[in-house]
Structures are given as structure tokens and as C-alpha cells.
Amino acid sequence: MVKIDEVLANYDGVARAKHLAAAGVSDFQLKAALASGAVARVSRGVYALPAADPQLVAIRSLPAEPTCVSAAQFGGLWVLEAPEQQHVALTHSRSYPGFVCHRAPAPPTLLDAVVQSLRCLPELDGLVIAESAVVLKGLPLSALRQRLSGRNDARARRIVASIVPQSQSVIECMARFQLRRAGFHVESQVNVPGMGHLDLMVDGRLGIETDGAGFHMDRNSFEEDRRRWNVTTRRGVPTLVVSYPLLKYRPQEFIAMVRDALNRLAAAA
């Protein structure tokens, strides 16, 4: 016999009665779970675990499904800004106050949500979502290109063309975007003998390493970072280390720092 909590967990804690029934949950099981408090009826035909995300409960109670940046956030993709209003996919033209409504298949696939993000969001926000879908979820670039072949998708195609499948983090993606927009030539994941791969190389002369504090709190990571930086110094590759707050909130300062470093390298040559 299937367990209702496991079925609900497969729907991130919130599911409609038809999905529970299709998974083999009986009326008796559902009534027993409701009576015990293990499951709550949150709206007509919609049931949730007590710990379910309130935003997802609100979306599926419309009824609708998350899409665009909301689907990216629930799906564990890179997201720069949590949406002020949840983005939802509807199969009809009705709208709901407090939600950004997209006419789209429901439930949207990963590809649907990424394409919607590219069309809906600012360029960098769309890029980090699309790149993370490729890097983390294995979304084929060919599928994105095929879906974005329309006359009105030139902007989205330009964003997709800048995706690097070998990208290691949202910080790397942000830095590359800012550098390319400023007119620099940028290479990603450049091999440095004895070190490994340098996150970014600018104009073939200046290395960029992205530093996410969440990945560098243990002693082994700390020591590895220092080893890598020492190798770049011995190899004659000057390297700047940049953080998420710098790229997110002070991108002009980042670009000025890179430009100043390159100018000093040129003057010393």
C-alpha cells in the first residue's frame, strides 16, 4: 500500500486529489490522514503536509503551478532575486491578484519554466536560471535553441549563446556576464598546470576566482584555496578574488577593479 505522506512528498508536500488517487491513495487513507492531522485540506481538492511551503500551497490552491522564476526557486536552480509575487502557469487567460500569471502548460516542464524566465526576466536573472538548468539539471542546450527559434526570441537566443555548461557557480556566471557586458574577452574554466581550473581569464592576462563563503568554511577548503592562489602567483597569473555581494550590489566597482588591474599589468609589461 502506498503511503500518503510519500506521495505528497513527491509533489513537494502539496497535491490535488486526482494526483493522490492516481498514485493509489484510497479515500479511506485520505480521510484517516485528515482525521489524524497528518494531512490538511488547504482548498477544494488540494491537500498538503503540515510542513509544506506556504507559497506553494497558495499557488496550487488557485489552482495553478509555479513557473518562470518561481519554478526555478522551488526546483533548486540559481535565482538572483526571490520574486515579490509568485509566477504561475495557467492554462486559461484568467488572472489572480498578487500573482504574475503566465499562459502556459500546466504543469510546466523544466524547459517551459526556463524559456519563460528568459522571456520574462532581466537578462542576468534569466541567464543564471538557464545556465543552472543546464549545469545542475542537464537541460540540453539544443532543446533551448529549438524552443527559442521564433522571430521574437532574438534576445533570449543571445542569452542562451552565452551559457557555459562547465560553469561552477552562480558567482562565476555573474562575473562572466558583467565582464562581457563591459567589453572584456572572457574565458571560463581555464586550465592552469598544477592548480586545476581557474574560474575566469580576462583578456588572456588576468585571472578571476569567485569566492562563495558557503563553500569555504572548512579547513580543507580554506587550505585548498590558498594552494590554488599560490600556484597562480608562481605561474605568473595575477588573480583577483571576487565575492557574491561585490558582483550583486557593486558591479561597477568590480569592473573598475578589473580595468585598473589590467592597466597596471600593461604598464608593467
C-alpha atoms as a PDB file:
ATOM      1  CA  MET A   1       0.000   0.000   0.000  1.00  0.00           C
ATOM      2  CA  VAL A   2       1.308   3.447  -0.891  1.00  0.00           C
ATOM      3  CA  LYS A   3       1.926   5.953   1.887  1.00  0.00           C
ATOM      4  CA  ILE A   4       0.124   9.257   1.517  1.00  0.00           C
ATOM      5  CA  ASP A   5       2.976  11.283   3.018  1.00  0.00           C
ATOM      6  CA  GLU A   6       5.421   9.807   0.487  1.00  0.00           C
ATOM      7  CA  VAL A   7       3.063  10.602  -2.393  1.00  0.00           C
ATOM      8  CA  LEU A   8       2.660  14.172  -1.158  1.00  0.00           C
ATOM      9  CA  ALA A   9       6.435  14.474  -0.748  1.00  0.00           C
ATOM     10  CA  ASN A  10       6.780  13.671  -4.450  1.00  0.00           C
ATOM     11  CA  TYR A  11       4.693  16.799  -5.085  1.00  0.00           C
ATOM     12  CA  ASP A  12       6.783  18.921  -2.682  1.00  0.00           C
ATOM     13  CA  GLY A  13       4.152  18.479   0.016  1.00  0.00           C
ATOM     14  CA  VAL A  14       1.101  19.780  -1.902  1.00  0.00           C
ATOM     15  CA  ALA A  15      -1.049  17.738  -4.284  1.00  0.00           C
ATOM     16  CA  ARG A  16      -4.508  17.587  -5.755  1.00  0.00           C
ATOM     17  CA  ALA A  17      -6.916  14.781  -5.013  1.00  0.00           C
ATOM     18  CA  LYS A  18      -6.671  13.436  -8.578  1.00  0.00           C
ATOM     19  CA  HIS A  19      -2.897  13.043  -8.220  1.00  0.00           C
ATOM     20  CA  LEU A  20      -3.271  11.250  -4.891  1.00  0.00           C
ATOM     21  CA  ALA A  21      -5.845   8.895  -6.398  1.00  0.00           C
ATOM     22  CA  ALA A  22      -3.683   8.260  -9.454  1.00  0.00           C
ATOM     23  CA  ALA A  23      -0.807   7.289  -7.156  1.00  0.00           C
ATOM     24  CA  GLY A  24      -3.002   4.736  -5.398  1.00  0.00           C
ATOM     25  CA  VAL A  25      -4.087   6.653  -2.292  1.00  0.00           C
ATOM     26  CA  SER A  26      -7.560   5.448  -1.271  1.00  0.00           C
ATOM     27  CA  ASP A  27     -10.398   7.566   0.100  1.00  0.00           C
ATOM     28  CA  PHE A  28     -10.037   5.701   3.391  1.00  0.00           C
ATOM     29  CA  GLN A  29      -6.325   6.608   3.634  1.00  0.00           C
ATOM     30  CA  LEU A  30      -7.026  10.238   2.835  1.00  0.00           C
ATOM     31  CA  LYS A  31      -9.805  10.514   5.428  1.00  0.00           C
ATOM     32  CA  ALA A  32      -7.637   8.817   8.053  1.00  0.00           C
ATOM     33  CA  ALA A  33      -4.726  11.175   7.337  1.00  0.00           C
ATOM     34  CA  LEU A  34      -7.048  14.187   7.604  1.00  0.00           C
ATOM     35  CA  ALA A  35      -8.518  12.938  10.861  1.00  0.00           C
ATOM     36  CA  SER A  36      -5.085  12.399  12.414  1.00  0.00           C
ATOM     37  CA  GLY A  37      -3.772  15.797  11.290  1.00  0.00           C
ATOM     38  CA  ALA A  38      -1.017  14.229   9.178  1.00  0.00           C
ATOM     39  CA  VAL A  39      -2.522  15.937   6.122  1.00  0.00           C
ATOM     40  CA  ALA A  40      -4.559  19.129   5.789  1.00  0.00           C
ATOM     41  CA  ARG A  41      -7.157  20.114   3.209  1.00  0.00           C
ATOM     42  CA  VAL A  42      -5.919  23.541   2.118  1.00  0.00           C
ATOM     43  CA  SER A  43      -8.538  24.237  -0.547  1.00  0.00           C
ATOM     44  CA  ARG A  44     -11.127  22.362  -2.548  1.00  0.00           C
ATOM     45  CA  GLY A  45      -9.476  19.195  -3.806  1.00  0.00           C
ATOM     46  CA  VAL A  46      -5.983  20.223  -2.637  1.00  0.00           C
ATOM     47  CA  TYR A  47      -4.133  18.567   0.241  1.00  0.00           C
ATOM     48  CA  ALA A  48      -0.824  19.338   1.942  1.00  0.00           C
ATOM     49  CA  LEU A  49       1.595  18.163   4.555  1.00  0.00           C
ATOM     50  CA  PRO A  50       1.860  20.431   7.634  1.00  0.00           C
ATOM     51  CA  ALA A  51       5.405  21.485   6.674  1.00  0.00           C
ATOM     52  CA  ALA A  52       4.537  22.328   3.061  1.00  0.00           C
ATOM     53  CA  ASP A  53       5.809  25.643   1.707  1.00  0.00           C
ATOM     54  CA  PRO A  54       3.026  28.250   2.177  1.00  0.00           C
ATOM     55  CA  GLN A  55       3.846  29.826  -1.184  1.00  0.00           C
ATOM     56  CA  LEU A  56       3.397  26.511  -2.973  1.00  0.00           C
ATOM     57  CA  VAL A  57       0.170  25.901  -1.068  1.00  0.00           C
ATOM     58  CA  ALA A  58      -1.114  29.291  -2.230  1.00  0.00           C
ATOM     59  CA  ILE A  59      -0.162  28.579  -5.842  1.00  0.00           C
ATOM     60  CA  ARG A  60      -1.745  25.143  -6.053  1.00  0.00           C
ATOM     61  CA  SER A  61      -4.848  26.399  -4.273  1.00  0.00           C
ATOM     62  CA  LEU A  62      -5.605  28.835  -7.152  1.00  0.00           C
ATOM     63  CA  PRO A  63      -5.324  26.270  -8.887  1.00  0.00           C
ATOM     64  CA  ALA A  64      -2.081  26.834 -10.782  1.00  0.00           C
ATOM     65  CA  GLU A  65       1.510  25.658 -10.963  1.00  0.00           C
ATOM     66  CA  PRO A  66       4.763  27.566 -10.356  1.00  0.00           C
ATOM     67  CA  THR A  67       6.634  28.648 -13.468  1.00  0.00           C
ATOM     68  CA  CYS A  68       9.361  31.096 -14.515  1.00  0.00           C
ATOM     69  CA  VAL A  69      11.425  32.291 -11.532  1.00  0.00           C
ATOM     70  CA  SER A  70       9.080  30.613  -9.019  1.00  0.00           C
ATOM     71  CA  ALA A  71       9.604  27.200 -10.624  1.00  0.00           C
ATOM     72  CA  ALA A  72      13.346  27.854 -10.638  1.00  0.00           C
ATOM     73  CA  GLN A  73      13.295  28.695  -6.942  1.00  0.00           C
ATOM     74  CA  PHE A  74      11.229  25.657  -5.960  1.00  0.00           C
ATOM     75  CA  GLY A  75      13.379  23.483  -8.228  1.00  0.00           C
ATOM     76  CA  GLY A  76      16.701  24.455  -6.660  1.00  0.00           C
ATOM     77  CA  LEU A  77      18.086  26.463  -9.586  1.00  0.00           C
ATOM     78  CA  TRP A  78      20.209  29.586  -9.204  1.00  0.00           C
ATOM     79  CA  VAL A  79      17.967  32.588  -8.547  1.00  0.00           C
ATOM     80  CA  LEU A  80      19.287  36.126  -8.019  1.00  0.00           C
ATOM     81  CA  GLU A  81      16.099  37.666  -6.644  1.00  0.00           C
ATOM     82  CA  ALA A  82      13.252  35.912  -4.897  1.00  0.00           C
ATOM     83  CA  PRO A  83      10.105  37.120  -6.680  1.00  0.00           C
ATOM     84  CA  GLU A  84       7.973  39.702  -4.910  1.00  0.00           C
ATOM     85  CA  GLN A  85       4.961  37.994  -6.487  1.00  0.00           C
ATOM     86  CA  GLN A  86       4.904  34.328  -7.377  1.00  0.00           C
ATOM     87  CA  HIS A  87       4.904  33.475 -11.097  1.00  0.00           C
ATOM     88  CA  VAL A  88       2.273  30.902 -12.001  1.00  0.00           C
ATOM     89  CA  ALA A  89       1.323  28.899 -15.078  1.00  0.00           C
ATOM     90  CA  LEU A  90      -2.332  28.892 -16.109  1.00  0.00           C
ATOM     91  CA  THR A  91      -3.985  27.090 -18.991  1.00  0.00           C
ATOM     92  CA  HIS A  92      -6.561  29.871 -19.307  1.00  0.00           C
ATOM     93  CA  SER A  93      -6.466  33.660 -19.601  1.00  0.00           C
ATOM     94  CA  ARG A  94      -7.819  34.435 -16.132  1.00  0.00           C
ATOM     95  CA  SER A  95      -5.520  36.358 -13.787  1.00  0.00           C
ATOM     96  CA  TYR A  96      -5.201  36.341  -9.992  1.00  0.00           C
ATOM     97  CA  PRO A  97      -4.307  39.420  -7.894  1.00  0.00           C
ATOM     98  CA  GLY A  98      -0.961  39.059  -6.164  1.00  0.00           C
ATOM     99  CA  PHE A  99       0.446  36.659  -8.782  1.00  0.00           C
ATOM    100  CA  VAL A 100       2.255  37.091 -12.094  1.00  0.00           C
ATOM    101  CA  CYS A 101       0.212  34.925 -14.403  1.00  0.00           C
ATOM    102  CA  HIS A 102       1.653  33.218 -17.477  1.00  0.00           C
ATOM    103  CA  ARG A 103      -0.438  31.414 -20.051  1.00  0.00           C
ATOM    104  CA  ALA A 104       1.450  28.135 -20.227  1.00  0.00           C
ATOM    105  CA  PRO A 105       1.115  24.364 -19.995  1.00  0.00           C
ATOM    106  CA  ALA A 106       0.361  23.131 -16.504  1.00  0.00           C
ATOM    107  CA  PRO A 107       2.345  21.656 -15.005  1.00  0.00           C
ATOM    108  CA  PRO A 108       5.196  23.318 -16.914  1.00  0.00           C
ATOM    109  CA  THR A 109       8.288  21.266 -17.642  1.00  0.00           C
ATOM    110  CA  LEU A 110      11.784  22.431 -16.708  1.00  0.00           C
ATOM    111  CA  LEU A 111      12.205  23.586 -20.307  1.00  0.00           C
ATOM    112  CA  ASP A 112       8.929  25.541 -20.154  1.00  0.00           C
ATOM    113  CA  ALA A 113       9.979  27.317 -16.956  1.00  0.00           C
ATOM    114  CA  VAL A 114      13.452  28.196 -18.261  1.00  0.00           C
ATOM    115  CA  VAL A 115      12.096  29.561 -21.542  1.00  0.00           C
ATOM    116  CA  GLN A 116       9.580  31.631 -19.597  1.00  0.00           C
ATOM    117  CA  SER A 117      12.375  33.011 -17.403  1.00  0.00           C
ATOM    118  CA  LEU A 118      14.413  34.017 -20.445  1.00  0.00           C
ATOM    119  CA  ARG A 119      11.455  35.861 -21.923  1.00  0.00           C
ATOM    120  CA  CYS A 120      10.170  37.421 -18.712  1.00  0.00           C
ATOM    121  CA  LEU A 121      13.116  38.389 -16.514  1.00  0.00           C
ATOM    122  CA  PRO A 122      16.033  40.832 -16.787  1.00  0.00           C
ATOM    123  CA  GLU A 123      18.912  39.426 -18.830  1.00  0.00           C
ATOM    124  CA  LEU A 124      21.204  38.375 -15.962  1.00  0.00           C
ATOM    125  CA  ASP A 125      18.346  36.845 -13.940  1.00  0.00           C
ATOM    126  CA  GLY A 126      17.293  34.776 -16.943  1.00  0.00           C
ATOM    127  CA  LEU A 127      20.868  33.737 -17.671  1.00  0.00           C
ATOM    128  CA  VAL A 128      21.616  32.366 -14.199  1.00  0.00           C
ATOM    129  CA  ILE A 129      18.400  30.329 -14.217  1.00  0.00           C
ATOM    130  CA  ALA A 130      19.034  28.941 -17.704  1.00  0.00           C
ATOM    131  CA  GLU A 131      22.703  28.219 -17.028  1.00  0.00           C
ATOM    132  CA  SER A 132      21.906  26.420 -13.784  1.00  0.00           C
ATOM    133  CA  ALA A 133      19.273  24.322 -15.554  1.00  0.00           C
ATOM    134  CA  VAL A 134      21.976  23.209 -17.982  1.00  0.00           C
ATOM    135  CA  VAL A 135      24.665  22.732 -15.310  1.00  0.00           C
ATOM    136  CA  LEU A 136      22.601  21.246 -12.464  1.00  0.00           C
ATOM    137  CA  LYS A 137      19.713  19.514 -14.236  1.00  0.00           C
ATOM    138  CA  GLY A 138      21.260  18.554 -17.564  1.00  0.00           C
ATOM    139  CA  LEU A 139      18.840  20.551 -19.706  1.00  0.00           C
ATOM    140  CA  PRO A 140      20.170  20.248 -23.289  1.00  0.00           C
ATOM    141  CA  LEU A 141      21.220  23.497 -24.929  1.00  0.00           C
ATOM    142  CA  SER A 142      19.824  22.128 -28.182  1.00  0.00           C
ATOM    143  CA  ALA A 143      16.350  21.960 -26.641  1.00  0.00           C
ATOM    144  CA  LEU A 144      16.594  25.604 -25.571  1.00  0.00           C
ATOM    145  CA  ARG A 145      17.747  26.695 -29.027  1.00  0.00           C
ATOM    146  CA  GLN A 146      14.929  24.797 -30.693  1.00  0.00           C
ATOM    147  CA  ARG A 147      12.270  26.352 -28.454  1.00  0.00           C
ATOM    148  CA  LEU A 148      13.670  29.843 -28.999  1.00  0.00           C
ATOM    149  CA  SER A 149      13.758  29.841 -32.786  1.00  0.00           C
ATOM    150  CA  GLY A 150      10.918  32.346 -33.174  1.00  0.00           C
ATOM    151  CA  ARG A 151      11.178  35.849 -34.590  1.00  0.00           C
ATOM    152  CA  ASN A 152      10.526  37.439 -31.181  1.00  0.00           C
ATOM    153  CA  ASP A 153      13.159  35.432 -29.313  1.00  0.00           C
ATOM    154  CA  ALA A 154      16.345  37.144 -30.517  1.00  0.00           C
ATOM    155  CA  ARG A 155      17.118  38.451 -27.016  1.00  0.00           C
ATOM    156  CA  ALA A 156      16.589  35.032 -25.417  1.00  0.00           C
ATOM    157  CA  ARG A 157      18.782  33.372 -28.080  1.00  0.00           C
ATOM    158  CA  ARG A 158      21.558  35.855 -27.309  1.00  0.00           C
ATOM    159  CA  ILE A 159      21.350  34.929 -23.626  1.00  0.00           C
ATOM    160  CA  VAL A 160      21.426  31.204 -24.390  1.00  0.00           C
ATOM    161  CA  ALA A 161      24.501  31.720 -26.598  1.00  0.00           C
ATOM    162  CA  SER A 162      26.390  32.981 -23.526  1.00  0.00           C
ATOM    163  CA  ILE A 163      25.668  29.897 -21.380  1.00  0.00           C
ATOM    164  CA  VAL A 164      28.770  27.932 -20.298  1.00  0.00           C
ATOM    165  CA  PRO A 165      27.846  24.306 -19.464  1.00  0.00           C
ATOM    166  CA  GLN A 166      31.076  23.923 -17.432  1.00  0.00           C
ATOM    167  CA  SER A 167      30.166  26.818 -15.117  1.00  0.00           C
ATOM    168  CA  GLN A 168      30.787  26.026 -11.460  1.00  0.00           C
ATOM    169  CA  SER A 169      28.636  28.576  -9.657  1.00  0.00           C
ATOM    170  CA  VAL A 170      26.193  31.446  -9.863  1.00  0.00           C
ATOM    171  CA  ILE A 171      29.044  33.791  -8.873  1.00  0.00           C
ATOM    172  CA  GLU A 172      31.101  32.706 -11.870  1.00  0.00           C
ATOM    173  CA  CYS A 173      28.080  33.222 -14.129  1.00  0.00           C
ATOM    174  CA  MET A 174      27.519  36.736 -12.737  1.00  0.00           C
ATOM    175  CA  ALA A 175      31.169  37.730 -13.100  1.00  0.00           C
ATOM    176  CA  ARG A 176      31.343  36.494 -16.689  1.00  0.00           C
ATOM    177  CA  PHE A 177      28.179  38.395 -17.583  1.00  0.00           C
ATOM    178  CA  GLN A 178      29.435  41.673 -16.115  1.00  0.00           C
ATOM    179  CA  LEU A 179      32.846  41.328 -17.765  1.00  0.00           C
ATOM    180  CA  ARG A 180      31.474  40.535 -21.208  1.00  0.00           C
ATOM    181  CA  ARG A 181      28.977  43.367 -20.985  1.00  0.00           C
ATOM    182  CA  ALA A 182      31.897  45.714 -20.212  1.00  0.00           C
ATOM    183  CA  GLY A 183      33.642  44.558 -23.385  1.00  0.00           C
ATOM    184  CA  PHE A 184      36.310  42.222 -21.992  1.00  0.00           C
ATOM    185  CA  HIS A 185      37.294  38.922 -23.601  1.00  0.00           C
ATOM    186  CA  VAL A 186      36.477  36.227 -21.044  1.00  0.00           C
ATOM    187  CA  GLU A 187      37.401  32.541 -20.981  1.00  0.00           C
ATOM    188  CA  SER A 188      35.818  30.141 -18.494  1.00  0.00           C
ATOM    189  CA  GLN A 189      37.402  27.272 -16.565  1.00  0.00           C
ATOM    190  CA  VAL A 190      40.928  27.825 -17.906  1.00  0.00           C
ATOM    191  CA  ASN A 191      43.397  25.072 -17.058  1.00  0.00           C
ATOM    192  CA  VAL A 192      46.428  26.202 -15.040  1.00  0.00           C
ATOM    193  CA  PRO A 193      49.014  23.410 -14.634  1.00  0.00           C
ATOM    194  CA  GLY A 194      49.419  22.391 -11.011  1.00  0.00           C
ATOM    195  CA  MET A 195      46.331  24.317  -9.946  1.00  0.00           C
ATOM    196  CA  GLY A 196      43.350  22.964 -11.795  1.00  0.00           C
ATOM    197  CA  HIS A 197      40.867  25.247 -13.482  1.00  0.00           C
ATOM    198  CA  LEU A 198      40.781  28.982 -12.972  1.00  0.00           C
ATOM    199  CA  ASP A 199      37.195  30.230 -12.919  1.00  0.00           C
ATOM    200  CA  LEU A 200      37.721  33.016 -15.463  1.00  0.00           C
ATOM    201  CA  MET A 201      40.544  34.543 -17.511  1.00  0.00           C
ATOM    202  CA  VAL A 202      40.158  38.151 -18.676  1.00  0.00           C
ATOM    203  CA  ASP A 203      41.892  39.293 -21.866  1.00  0.00           C
ATOM    204  CA  GLY A 204      44.267  36.340 -21.531  1.00  0.00           C
ATOM    205  CA  ARG A 205      46.166  38.060 -18.698  1.00  0.00           C
ATOM    206  CA  LEU A 206      44.114  38.398 -15.531  1.00  0.00           C
ATOM    207  CA  GLY A 207      42.592  35.544 -13.555  1.00  0.00           C
ATOM    208  CA  ILE A 208      39.308  35.790 -11.673  1.00  0.00           C
ATOM    209  CA  GLU A 209      38.438  33.386  -8.866  1.00  0.00           C
ATOM    210  CA  THR A 210      34.945  33.551  -7.402  1.00  0.00           C
ATOM    211  CA  ASP A 211      34.689  33.154  -3.655  1.00  0.00           C
ATOM    212  CA  GLY A 212      31.445  31.867  -2.156  1.00  0.00           C
ATOM    213  CA  ALA A 213      31.737  31.898   1.641  1.00  0.00           C
ATOM    214  CA  GLY A 214      29.389  28.931   1.924  1.00  0.00           C
ATOM    215  CA  PHE A 215      31.907  26.740   0.101  1.00  0.00           C
ATOM    216  CA  HIS A 216      34.994  27.876   2.012  1.00  0.00           C
ATOM    217  CA  MET A 217      34.203  27.491   5.694  1.00  0.00           C
ATOM    218  CA  ASP A 218      36.029  24.233   6.465  1.00  0.00           C
ATOM    219  CA  ARG A 219      39.795  23.918   6.954  1.00  0.00           C
ATOM    220  CA  ASN A 220      40.378  21.728   3.880  1.00  0.00           C
ATOM    221  CA  SER A 221      38.617  24.189   1.573  1.00  0.00           C
ATOM    222  CA  PHE A 222      40.494  27.077   3.153  1.00  0.00           C
ATOM    223  CA  GLU A 223      43.853  25.382   2.570  1.00  0.00           C
ATOM    224  CA  GLU A 224      42.933  24.394  -0.996  1.00  0.00           C
ATOM    225  CA  ASP A 225      42.046  27.986  -1.834  1.00  0.00           C
ATOM    226  CA  ARG A 226      45.415  29.184  -0.581  1.00  0.00           C
ATOM    227  CA  ARG A 227      47.235  26.478  -2.552  1.00  0.00           C
ATOM    228  CA  ARG A 228      45.429  27.496  -5.737  1.00  0.00           C
ATOM    229  CA  TRP A 229      46.169  31.195  -5.238  1.00  0.00           C
ATOM    230  CA  ASN A 230      49.840  30.420  -4.550  1.00  0.00           C
ATOM    231  CA  VAL A 231      50.098  28.377  -7.761  1.00  0.00           C
ATOM    232  CA  THR A 232      48.658  31.228  -9.851  1.00  0.00           C
ATOM    233  CA  THR A 233      51.195  33.608  -8.303  1.00  0.00           C
ATOM    234  CA  ARG A 234      54.119  31.273  -9.025  1.00  0.00           C
ATOM    235  CA  ARG A 235      52.837  30.760 -12.563  1.00  0.00           C
ATOM    236  CA  GLY A 236      52.729  34.489 -13.124  1.00  0.00           C
ATOM    237  CA  VAL A 237      48.944  34.671 -13.427  1.00  0.00           C
ATOM    238  CA  PRO A 238      47.750  37.644 -11.337  1.00  0.00           C
ATOM    239  CA  THR A 239      44.363  36.763  -9.924  1.00  0.00           C
ATOM    240  CA  LEU A 240      41.549  38.741  -8.342  1.00  0.00           C
ATOM    241  CA  VAL A 241      39.161  37.059  -5.919  1.00  0.00           C
ATOM    242  CA  VAL A 242      35.573  38.333  -6.039  1.00  0.00           C
ATOM    243  CA  SER A 243      32.503  37.680  -3.917  1.00  0.00           C
ATOM    244  CA  TYR A 244      28.757  37.469  -4.487  1.00  0.00           C
ATOM    245  CA  PRO A 245      27.975  40.790  -2.699  1.00  0.00           C
ATOM    246  CA  LEU A 246      30.520  42.621  -4.863  1.00  0.00           C
ATOM    247  CA  LEU A 247      29.027  41.262  -8.090  1.00  0.00           C
ATOM    248  CA  LYS A 248      25.414  41.608  -6.989  1.00  0.00           C
ATOM    249  CA  TYR A 249      25.434  45.025  -5.378  1.00  0.00           C
ATOM    250  CA  ARG A 250      28.579  46.767  -6.679  1.00  0.00           C
ATOM    251  CA  PRO A 251      29.201  45.526 -10.239  1.00  0.00           C
ATOM    252  CA  GLN A 252      30.644  48.868 -11.352  1.00  0.00           C
ATOM    253  CA  GLU A 253      33.260  48.615  -8.594  1.00  0.00           C
ATOM    254  CA  PHE A 254      34.117  45.114  -9.833  1.00  0.00           C
ATOM    255  CA  ILE A 255      34.573  46.281 -13.424  1.00  0.00           C
ATOM    256  CA  ALA A 256      36.678  49.272 -12.300  1.00  0.00           C
ATOM    257  CA  MET A 257      38.883  46.919 -10.270  1.00  0.00           C
ATOM    258  CA  VAL A 258      39.414  44.623 -13.271  1.00  0.00           C
ATOM    259  CA  ARG A 259      40.149  47.544 -15.595  1.00  0.00           C
ATOM    260  CA  ASP A 260      42.639  49.020 -13.131  1.00  0.00           C
ATOM    261  CA  ALA A 261      44.420  45.669 -12.724  1.00  0.00           C
ATOM    262  CA  LEU A 262      44.711  45.220 -16.492  1.00  0.00           C
ATOM    263  CA  ASN A 263      46.028  48.766 -16.925  1.00  0.00           C
ATOM    264  CA  ARG A 264      48.702  48.173 -14.301  1.00  0.00           C
ATOM    265  CA  LEU A 265      49.702  44.913 -15.970  1.00  0.00           C
ATOM    266  CA  ALA A 266      50.030  46.705 -19.311  1.00  0.00           C
ATOM    267  CA  ALA A 267      52.126  49.478 -17.736  1.00  0.00           C
ATOM    268  CA  ALA A 268      54.456  46.939 -16.116  1.00  0.00           C
ATOM    269  CA  ALA A 269      54.976  44.990 -19.341  1.00  0.00           C
END
